[in-house]
Amino acid sequence: IGIGYQKLKDIDSALSYLLQALRGELPAHLA
């Protein structure tokens, strides 16, 4: 979702979802 918002140039939403993703269990290449 974060990358999707990045493509739409909705930076605030992108940052919010990406930071939330990084708090969880992401494979290293996605992190």
Full PDB file with SEQRES, HELIX, SHEET, SSBOND, CRYST1, ORIGX, SCALE, CONECT and MASTER records, all heavy atoms in Angstrom:
SEQRES   1 A   31  ILE GLY ILE GLY TYR GLN LYS LEU LYS ASP ILE ASP SER          
SEQRES   2 A   31  ALA LEU SER TYR LEU LEU GLN ALA LEU ARG GLY GLU LEU          
SEQRES   3 A   31  PRO ALA HIS LEU ALA                                          
HELIX    1 AA1 GLY A    2  LYS A    7  1                                   6    
HELIX    2 AA2 ILE A   11  ARG A   23  1                                  13    
CRYST1    1.000    1.000    1.000  90.00  90.00  90.00 P 1           1          
ORIGX1      1.000000  0.000000  0.000000        0.00000                         
ORIGX2      0.000000  1.000000  0.000000        0.00000                         
ORIGX3      0.000000  0.000000  1.000000        0.00000                         
SCALE1      1.000000  0.000000  0.000000        0.00000                         
SCALE2      0.000000  1.000000  0.000000        0.00000                         
SCALE3      0.000000  0.000000  1.000000        0.00000                         
ATOM      1  N   ILE A   1       0.840  -1.209   0.000  1.00  0.00           N  
ATOM      2  CA  ILE A   1       0.000   0.000   0.000  1.00  0.00           C  
ATOM      3  C   ILE A   1       0.869   1.250   0.000  1.00  0.00           C  
ATOM      4  O   ILE A   1       0.591   2.223  -0.714  1.00  0.00           O  
ATOM      5  CB  ILE A   1      -0.949  -0.015   1.210  1.00  0.00           C  
ATOM      6  CG1 ILE A   1      -1.986  -1.137   1.065  1.00  0.00           C  
ATOM      7  CG2 ILE A   1      -1.661   1.327   1.357  1.00  0.00           C  
ATOM      8  CD1 ILE A   1      -2.864  -1.327   2.291  1.00  0.00           C  
ATOM      9  N   GLY A   2       1.933   1.247   0.810  1.00  0.00           N  
ATOM     10  CA  GLY A   2       2.830   2.404   0.857  1.00  0.00           C  
ATOM     11  C   GLY A   2       3.421   2.730  -0.497  1.00  0.00           C  
ATOM     12  O   GLY A   2       3.481   3.902  -0.906  1.00  0.00           O  
ATOM     13  N   ILE A   3       3.847   1.696  -1.225  1.00  0.00           N  
ATOM     14  CA  ILE A   3       4.412   1.926  -2.561  1.00  0.00           C  
ATOM     15  C   ILE A   3       3.329   2.425  -3.511  1.00  0.00           C  
ATOM     16  O   ILE A   3       3.583   3.265  -4.391  1.00  0.00           O  
ATOM     17  CB  ILE A   3       5.079   0.646  -3.097  1.00  0.00           C  
ATOM     18  CG1 ILE A   3       6.245   0.230  -2.178  1.00  0.00           C  
ATOM     19  CG2 ILE A   3       5.576   0.851  -4.523  1.00  0.00           C  
ATOM     20  CD1 ILE A   3       7.351   1.254  -2.046  1.00  0.00           C  
ATOM     21  N   GLY A   4       2.093   1.932  -3.343  1.00  0.00           N  
ATOM     22  CA  GLY A   4       0.986   2.419  -4.158  1.00  0.00           C  
ATOM     23  C   GLY A   4       0.762   3.909  -3.965  1.00  0.00           C  
ATOM     24  O   GLY A   4       0.602   4.668  -4.938  1.00  0.00           O  
ATOM     25  N   TYR A   5       0.763   4.349  -2.708  1.00  0.00           N  
ATOM     26  CA  TYR A   5       0.585   5.784  -2.445  1.00  0.00           C  
ATOM     27  C   TYR A   5       1.786   6.586  -2.940  1.00  0.00           C  
ATOM     28  O   TYR A   5       1.639   7.740  -3.369  1.00  0.00           O  
ATOM     29  CB  TYR A   5       0.349   6.026  -0.959  1.00  0.00           C  
ATOM     30  CG  TYR A   5      -1.083   5.780  -0.542  1.00  0.00           C  
ATOM     31  CD1 TYR A   5      -1.398   4.799   0.393  1.00  0.00           C  
ATOM     32  CD2 TYR A   5      -2.122   6.528  -1.084  1.00  0.00           C  
ATOM     33  CE1 TYR A   5      -2.717   4.570   0.778  1.00  0.00           C  
ATOM     34  CE2 TYR A   5      -3.435   6.310  -0.717  1.00  0.00           C  
ATOM     35  CZ  TYR A   5      -3.735   5.324   0.211  1.00  0.00           C  
ATOM     36  OH  TYR A   5      -5.037   5.101   0.572  1.00  0.00           O  
ATOM     37  N   GLN A   6       2.971   5.992  -2.885  1.00  0.00           N  
ATOM     38  CA  GLN A   6       4.134   6.688  -3.442  1.00  0.00           C  
ATOM     39  C   GLN A   6       3.932   6.943  -4.934  1.00  0.00           C  
ATOM     40  O   GLN A   6       4.235   8.037  -5.424  1.00  0.00           O  
ATOM     41  CB  GLN A   6       5.407   5.855  -3.231  1.00  0.00           C  
ATOM     42  CG  GLN A   6       6.667   6.523  -3.776  1.00  0.00           C  
ATOM     43  CD  GLN A   6       7.883   5.615  -3.751  1.00  0.00           C  
ATOM     44  OE1 GLN A   6       7.752   4.402  -3.612  1.00  0.00           O  
ATOM     45  NE2 GLN A   6       9.056   6.201  -3.881  1.00  0.00           N  
ATOM     46  N   LYS A   7       3.404   5.948  -5.654  1.00  0.00           N  
ATOM     47  CA  LYS A   7       3.165   6.128  -7.088  1.00  0.00           C  
ATOM     48  C   LYS A   7       2.115   7.212  -7.347  1.00  0.00           C  
ATOM     49  O   LYS A   7       2.159   7.908  -8.366  1.00  0.00           O  
ATOM     50  CB  LYS A   7       2.748   4.804  -7.719  1.00  0.00           C  
ATOM     51  CG  LYS A   7       3.909   3.832  -7.948  1.00  0.00           C  
ATOM     52  CD  LYS A   7       3.442   2.570  -8.626  1.00  0.00           C  
ATOM     53  CE  LYS A   7       4.623   1.682  -8.998  1.00  0.00           C  
ATOM     54  NZ  LYS A   7       5.387   2.197 -10.155  1.00  0.00           N  
ATOM     55  N   LEU A   8       1.169   7.364  -6.419  1.00  0.00           N  
ATOM     56  CA  LEU A   8       0.155   8.413  -6.554  1.00  0.00           C  
ATOM     57  C   LEU A   8       0.643   9.762  -6.034  1.00  0.00           C  
ATOM     58  O   LEU A   8      -0.110  10.740  -6.053  1.00  0.00           O  
ATOM     59  CB  LEU A   8      -1.121   8.009  -5.796  1.00  0.00           C  
ATOM     60  CG  LEU A   8      -1.938   6.859  -6.388  1.00  0.00           C  
ATOM     61  CD1 LEU A   8      -3.111   6.518  -5.476  1.00  0.00           C  
ATOM     62  CD2 LEU A   8      -2.443   7.214  -7.785  1.00  0.00           C  
ATOM     63  N   LYS A   9       1.886   9.790  -5.536  1.00  0.00           N  
ATOM     64  CA  LYS A   9       2.506  10.999  -4.983  1.00  0.00           C  
ATOM     65  C   LYS A   9       1.777  11.521  -3.743  1.00  0.00           C  
ATOM     66  O   LYS A   9       1.808  12.713  -3.433  1.00  0.00           O  
ATOM     67  CB  LYS A   9       2.625  12.098  -6.046  1.00  0.00           C  
ATOM     68  CG  LYS A   9       3.422  11.668  -7.272  1.00  0.00           C  
ATOM     69  CD  LYS A   9       3.709  12.817  -8.197  1.00  0.00           C  
ATOM     70  CE  LYS A   9       4.383  12.341  -9.482  1.00  0.00           C  
ATOM     71  NZ  LYS A   9       5.583  11.519  -9.255  1.00  0.00           N  
ATOM     72  N   ASP A  10       1.114  10.611  -3.026  1.00  0.00           N  
ATOM     73  CA  ASP A  10       0.504  10.930  -1.726  1.00  0.00           C  
ATOM     74  C   ASP A  10       1.547  10.582  -0.666  1.00  0.00           C  
ATOM     75  O   ASP A  10       1.545   9.497  -0.090  1.00  0.00           O  
ATOM     76  CB  ASP A  10      -0.786  10.125  -1.545  1.00  0.00           C  
ATOM     77  CG  ASP A  10      -1.500  10.457  -0.234  1.00  0.00           C  
ATOM     78  OD1 ASP A  10      -0.885  11.072   0.653  1.00  0.00           O  
ATOM     79  OD2 ASP A  10      -2.678  10.063  -0.095  1.00  0.00           O  
ATOM     80  N   ILE A  11       2.463  11.525  -0.436  1.00  0.00           N  
ATOM     81  CA  ILE A  11       3.653  11.248   0.366  1.00  0.00           C  
ATOM     82  C   ILE A  11       3.293  10.940   1.822  1.00  0.00           C  
ATOM     83  O   ILE A  11       3.849  10.009   2.418  1.00  0.00           O  
ATOM     84  CB  ILE A  11       4.638  12.435   0.297  1.00  0.00           C  
ATOM     85  CG1 ILE A  11       5.015  12.719  -1.169  1.00  0.00           C  
ATOM     86  CG2 ILE A  11       5.885  12.128   1.123  1.00  0.00           C  
ATOM     87  CD1 ILE A  11       5.571  11.546  -1.921  1.00  0.00           C  
ATOM     88  N   ASP A  12       2.374  11.699   2.398  1.00  0.00           N  
ATOM     89  CA  ASP A  12       2.029  11.461   3.806  1.00  0.00           C  
ATOM     90  C   ASP A  12       1.474  10.056   4.016  1.00  0.00           C  
ATOM     91  O   ASP A  12       1.867   9.361   4.964  1.00  0.00           O  
ATOM     92  CB  ASP A  12       1.004  12.500   4.277  1.00  0.00           C  
ATOM     93  CG  ASP A  12       1.599  13.886   4.428  1.00  0.00           C  
ATOM     94  OD1 ASP A  12       2.848  13.988   4.486  1.00  0.00           O  
ATOM     95  OD2 ASP A  12       0.834  14.862   4.476  1.00  0.00           O  
ATOM     96  N   SER A  13       0.576   9.617   3.138  1.00  0.00           N  
ATOM     97  CA  SER A  13       0.020   8.263   3.271  1.00  0.00           C  
ATOM     98  C   SER A  13       1.089   7.213   3.025  1.00  0.00           C  
ATOM     99  O   SER A  13       1.150   6.193   3.723  1.00  0.00           O  
ATOM    100  CB  SER A  13      -1.146   8.074   2.294  1.00  0.00           C  
ATOM    101  OG  SER A  13      -2.220   8.928   2.607  1.00  0.00           O  
ATOM    102  N   ALA A  14       1.942   7.447   2.039  1.00  0.00           N  
ATOM    103  CA  ALA A  14       3.010   6.494   1.740  1.00  0.00           C  
ATOM    104  C   ALA A  14       3.934   6.326   2.941  1.00  0.00           C  
ATOM    105  O   ALA A  14       4.264   5.193   3.340  1.00  0.00           O  
ATOM    106  CB  ALA A  14       3.799   6.950   0.520  1.00  0.00           C  
ATOM    107  N   LEU A  15       4.357   7.442   3.527  1.00  0.00           N  
ATOM    108  CA  LEU A  15       5.254   7.370   4.686  1.00  0.00           C  
ATOM    109  C   LEU A  15       4.600   6.641   5.843  1.00  0.00           C  
ATOM    110  O   LEU A  15       5.219   5.815   6.514  1.00  0.00           O  
ATOM    111  CB  LEU A  15       5.648   8.777   5.121  1.00  0.00           C  
ATOM    112  CG  LEU A  15       6.564   9.563   4.183  1.00  0.00           C  
ATOM    113  CD1 LEU A  15       6.728  10.991   4.677  1.00  0.00           C  
ATOM    114  CD2 LEU A  15       7.923   8.885   4.060  1.00  0.00           C  
ATOM    115  N   SER A  16       3.326   6.912   6.080  1.00  0.00           N  
ATOM    116  CA  SER A  16       2.617   6.283   7.184  1.00  0.00           C  
ATOM    117  C   SER A  16       2.580   4.768   7.029  1.00  0.00           C  
ATOM    118  O   SER A  16       2.888   4.022   7.967  1.00  0.00           O  
ATOM    119  CB  SER A  16       1.199   6.846   7.265  1.00  0.00           C  
ATOM    120  OG  SER A  16       0.459   6.182   8.268  1.00  0.00           O  
ATOM    121  N   TYR A  17       2.227   4.283   5.839  1.00  0.00           N  
ATOM    122  CA  TYR A  17       2.120   2.842   5.632  1.00  0.00           C  
ATOM    123  C   TYR A  17       3.493   2.167   5.621  1.00  0.00           C  
ATOM    124  O   TYR A  17       3.657   1.056   6.136  1.00  0.00           O  
ATOM    125  CB  TYR A  17       1.369   2.544   4.332  1.00  0.00           C  
ATOM    126  CG  TYR A  17      -0.131   2.568   4.511  1.00  0.00           C  
ATOM    127  CD1 TYR A  17      -0.878   3.675   4.122  1.00  0.00           C  
ATOM    128  CD2 TYR A  17      -0.801   1.484   5.071  1.00  0.00           C  
ATOM    129  CE1 TYR A  17      -2.256   3.709   4.284  1.00  0.00           C  
ATOM    130  CE2 TYR A  17      -2.172   1.511   5.241  1.00  0.00           C  
ATOM    131  CZ  TYR A  17      -2.900   2.617   4.853  1.00  0.00           C  
ATOM    132  OH  TYR A  17      -4.266   2.640   5.028  1.00  0.00           O  
ATOM    133  N   LEU A  18       4.487   2.829   5.047  1.00  0.00           N  
ATOM    134  CA  LEU A  18       5.818   2.221   5.003  1.00  0.00           C  
ATOM    135  C   LEU A  18       6.422   2.105   6.391  1.00  0.00           C  
ATOM    136  O   LEU A  18       7.047   1.089   6.736  1.00  0.00           O  
ATOM    137  CB  LEU A  18       6.732   3.021   4.077  1.00  0.00           C  
ATOM    138  CG  LEU A  18       6.382   2.938   2.582  1.00  0.00           C  
ATOM    139  CD1 LEU A  18       7.239   3.910   1.782  1.00  0.00           C  
ATOM    140  CD2 LEU A  18       6.553   1.514   2.056  1.00  0.00           C  
ATOM    141  N   LEU A  19       6.254   3.127   7.222  1.00  0.00           N  
ATOM    142  CA  LEU A  19       6.762   3.051   8.593  1.00  0.00           C  
ATOM    143  C   LEU A  19       6.036   1.963   9.382  1.00  0.00           C  
ATOM    144  O   LEU A  19       6.649   1.229  10.174  1.00  0.00           O  
ATOM    145  CB  LEU A  19       6.623   4.398   9.287  1.00  0.00           C  
ATOM    146  CG  LEU A  19       7.618   5.470   8.843  1.00  0.00           C  
ATOM    147  CD1 LEU A  19       7.225   6.825   9.425  1.00  0.00           C  
ATOM    148  CD2 LEU A  19       9.036   5.110   9.261  1.00  0.00           C  
ATOM    149  N   GLN A  20       4.720   1.850   9.166  1.00  0.00           N  
ATOM    150  CA  GLN A  20       3.980   0.794   9.843  1.00  0.00           C  
ATOM    151  C   GLN A  20       4.472  -0.578   9.387  1.00  0.00           C  
ATOM    152  O   GLN A  20       4.619  -1.501  10.195  1.00  0.00           O  
ATOM    153  CB  GLN A  20       2.482   0.940   9.544  1.00  0.00           C  
ATOM    154  CG  GLN A  20       1.587   0.024  10.372  1.00  0.00           C  
ATOM    155  CD  GLN A  20       1.701   0.279  11.863  1.00  0.00           C  
ATOM    156  OE1 GLN A  20       1.788   1.421  12.304  1.00  0.00           O  
ATOM    157  NE2 GLN A  20       1.745  -0.783  12.659  1.00  0.00           N  
ATOM    158  N   ALA A  21       4.746  -0.723   8.101  1.00  0.00           N  
ATOM    159  CA  ALA A  21       5.273  -1.993   7.581  1.00  0.00           C  
ATOM    160  C   ALA A  21       6.610  -2.336   8.221  1.00  0.00           C  
ATOM    161  O   ALA A  21       6.865  -3.493   8.583  1.00  0.00           O  
ATOM    162  CB  ALA A  21       5.418  -1.914   6.066  1.00  0.00           C  
ATOM    163  N   LEU A  22       7.469  -1.330   8.394  1.00  0.00           N  
ATOM    164  CA  LEU A  22       8.796  -1.565   8.965  1.00  0.00           C  
ATOM    165  C   LEU A  22       8.735  -1.941  10.441  1.00  0.00           C  
ATOM    166  O   LEU A  22       9.699  -2.486  10.983  1.00  0.00           O  
ATOM    167  CB  LEU A  22       9.675  -0.336   8.764  1.00  0.00           C  
ATOM    168  CG  LEU A  22      10.172  -0.125   7.332  1.00  0.00           C  
ATOM    169  CD1 LEU A  22      10.722   1.281   7.149  1.00  0.00           C  
ATOM    170  CD2 LEU A  22      11.222  -1.171   6.971  1.00  0.00           C  
ATOM    171  N   ARG A  23       7.613  -1.681  11.095  1.00  0.00           N  
ATOM    172  CA  ARG A  23       7.461  -2.104  12.493  1.00  0.00           C  
ATOM    173  C   ARG A  23       7.129  -3.597  12.596  1.00  0.00           C  
ATOM    174  O   ARG A  23       7.227  -4.178  13.665  1.00  0.00           O  
ATOM    175  CB  ARG A  23       6.362  -1.286  13.173  1.00  0.00           C  
ATOM    176  CG  ARG A  23       6.701   0.195  13.310  1.00  0.00           C  
ATOM    177  CD  ARG A  23       5.614   0.976  14.049  1.00  0.00           C  
ATOM    178  NE  ARG A  23       5.923   2.393  14.036  1.00  0.00           N  
ATOM    179  CZ  ARG A  23       5.261   3.317  13.350  1.00  0.00           C  
ATOM    180  NH1 ARG A  23       4.215   2.966  12.626  1.00  0.00           N  
ATOM    181  NH2 ARG A  23       5.619   4.576  13.390  1.00  0.00           N  
ATOM    182  N   GLY A  24       6.710  -4.179  11.487  1.00  0.00           N  
ATOM    183  CA  GLY A  24       6.302  -5.579  11.500  1.00  0.00           C  
ATOM    184  C   GLY A  24       7.410  -6.505  11.026  1.00  0.00           C  
ATOM    185  O   GLY A  24       8.592  -6.171  11.077  1.00  0.00           O  
ATOM    186  N   GLU A  25       6.986  -7.675  10.515  1.00  0.00           N  
ATOM    187  CA  GLU A  25       7.931  -8.705  10.083  1.00  0.00           C  
ATOM    188  C   GLU A  25       8.026  -8.678   8.562  1.00  0.00           C  
ATOM    189  O   GLU A  25       7.271  -9.359   7.861  1.00  0.00           O  
ATOM    190  CB  GLU A  25       7.473 -10.079  10.569  1.00  0.00           C  
ATOM    191  CG  GLU A  25       7.510 -10.242  12.080  1.00  0.00           C  
ATOM    192  CD  GLU A  25       8.930 -10.201  12.632  1.00  0.00           C  
ATOM    193  OE1 GLU A  25       9.809 -10.905  12.086  1.00  0.00           O  
ATOM    194  OE2 GLU A  25       9.171  -9.467  13.610  1.00  0.00           O  
ATOM    195  N   LEU A  26       8.946  -7.892   8.037  1.00  0.00           N  
ATOM    196  CA  LEU A  26       9.169  -7.789   6.601  1.00  0.00           C  
ATOM    197  C   LEU A  26      10.426  -8.554   6.209  1.00  0.00           C  
ATOM    198  O   LEU A  26      11.455  -8.446   6.878  1.00  0.00           O  
ATOM    199  CB  LEU A  26       9.370  -6.331   6.190  1.00  0.00           C  
ATOM    200  CG  LEU A  26       8.177  -5.464   5.824  1.00  0.00           C  
ATOM    201  CD1 LEU A  26       8.689  -4.098   5.380  1.00  0.00           C  
ATOM    202  CD2 LEU A  26       7.335  -6.092   4.741  1.00  0.00           C  
ATOM    203  N   PRO A  27      10.386  -9.319   5.105  1.00  0.00           N  
ATOM    204  CA  PRO A  27      11.644  -9.848   4.567  1.00  0.00           C  
ATOM    205  C   PRO A  27      12.624  -8.709   4.297  1.00  0.00           C  
ATOM    206  O   PRO A  27      12.211  -7.578   3.981  1.00  0.00           O  
ATOM    207  CB  PRO A  27      11.202 -10.534   3.266  1.00  0.00           C  
ATOM    208  CG  PRO A  27       9.764 -10.863   3.471  1.00  0.00           C  
ATOM    209  CD  PRO A  27       9.220  -9.744   4.314  1.00  0.00           C  
ATOM    210  N   ALA A  28      13.901  -9.004   4.413  1.00  0.00           N  
ATOM    211  CA  ALA A  28      14.915  -7.954   4.336  1.00  0.00           C  
ATOM    212  C   ALA A  28      14.858  -7.181   3.020  1.00  0.00           C  
ATOM    213  O   ALA A  28      15.066  -5.957   2.996  1.00  0.00           O  
ATOM    214  CB  ALA A  28      16.302  -8.554   4.537  1.00  0.00           C  
ATOM    215  N   HIS A  29      14.559  -7.866   1.896  1.00  0.00           N  
ATOM    216  CA  HIS A  29      14.579  -7.133   0.617  1.00  0.00           C  
ATOM    217  C   HIS A  29      13.422  -6.135   0.538  1.00  0.00           C  
ATOM    218  O   HIS A  29      13.560  -5.079  -0.083  1.00  0.00           O  
ATOM    219  CB  HIS A  29      14.568  -8.096  -0.575  1.00  0.00           C  
ATOM    220  CG  HIS A  29      13.269  -8.773  -0.847  1.00  0.00           C  
ATOM    221  ND1 HIS A  29      12.829  -9.868  -0.133  1.00  0.00           N  
ATOM    222  CD2 HIS A  29      12.291  -8.519  -1.767  1.00  0.00           C  
ATOM    223  CE1 HIS A  29      11.655 -10.267  -0.605  1.00  0.00           C  
ATOM    224  NE2 HIS A  29      11.311  -9.465  -1.588  1.00  0.00           N  
ATOM    225  N   LEU A  30      12.301  -6.433   1.199  1.00  0.00           N  
ATOM    226  CA  LEU A  30      11.199  -5.468   1.226  1.00  0.00           C  
ATOM    227  C   LEU A  30      11.511  -4.325   2.189  1.00  0.00           C  
ATOM    228  O   LEU A  30      11.180  -3.165   1.915  1.00  0.00           O  
ATOM    229  CB  LEU A  30       9.901  -6.156   1.628  1.00  0.00           C  
ATOM    230  CG  LEU A  30       9.356  -7.213   0.665  1.00  0.00           C  
ATOM    231  CD1 LEU A  30       7.981  -7.684   1.123  1.00  0.00           C  
ATOM    232  CD2 LEU A  30       9.287  -6.692  -0.766  1.00  0.00           C  
ATOM    233  N   ALA A  31      12.141  -4.646   3.322  1.00  0.00           N  
ATOM    234  CA  ALA A  31      12.526  -3.588   4.264  1.00  0.00           C  
ATOM    235  C   ALA A  31      13.515  -2.627   3.606  1.00  0.00           C  
ATOM    236  O   ALA A  31      13.409  -1.402   3.773  1.00  0.00           O  
ATOM    237  CB  ALA A  31      13.134  -4.200   5.523  1.00  0.00           C  
TER     238      ALA A  31                                                      
MASTER        0    0    0    2    0    0    0    6  237    1    0    3          
END                                                                             
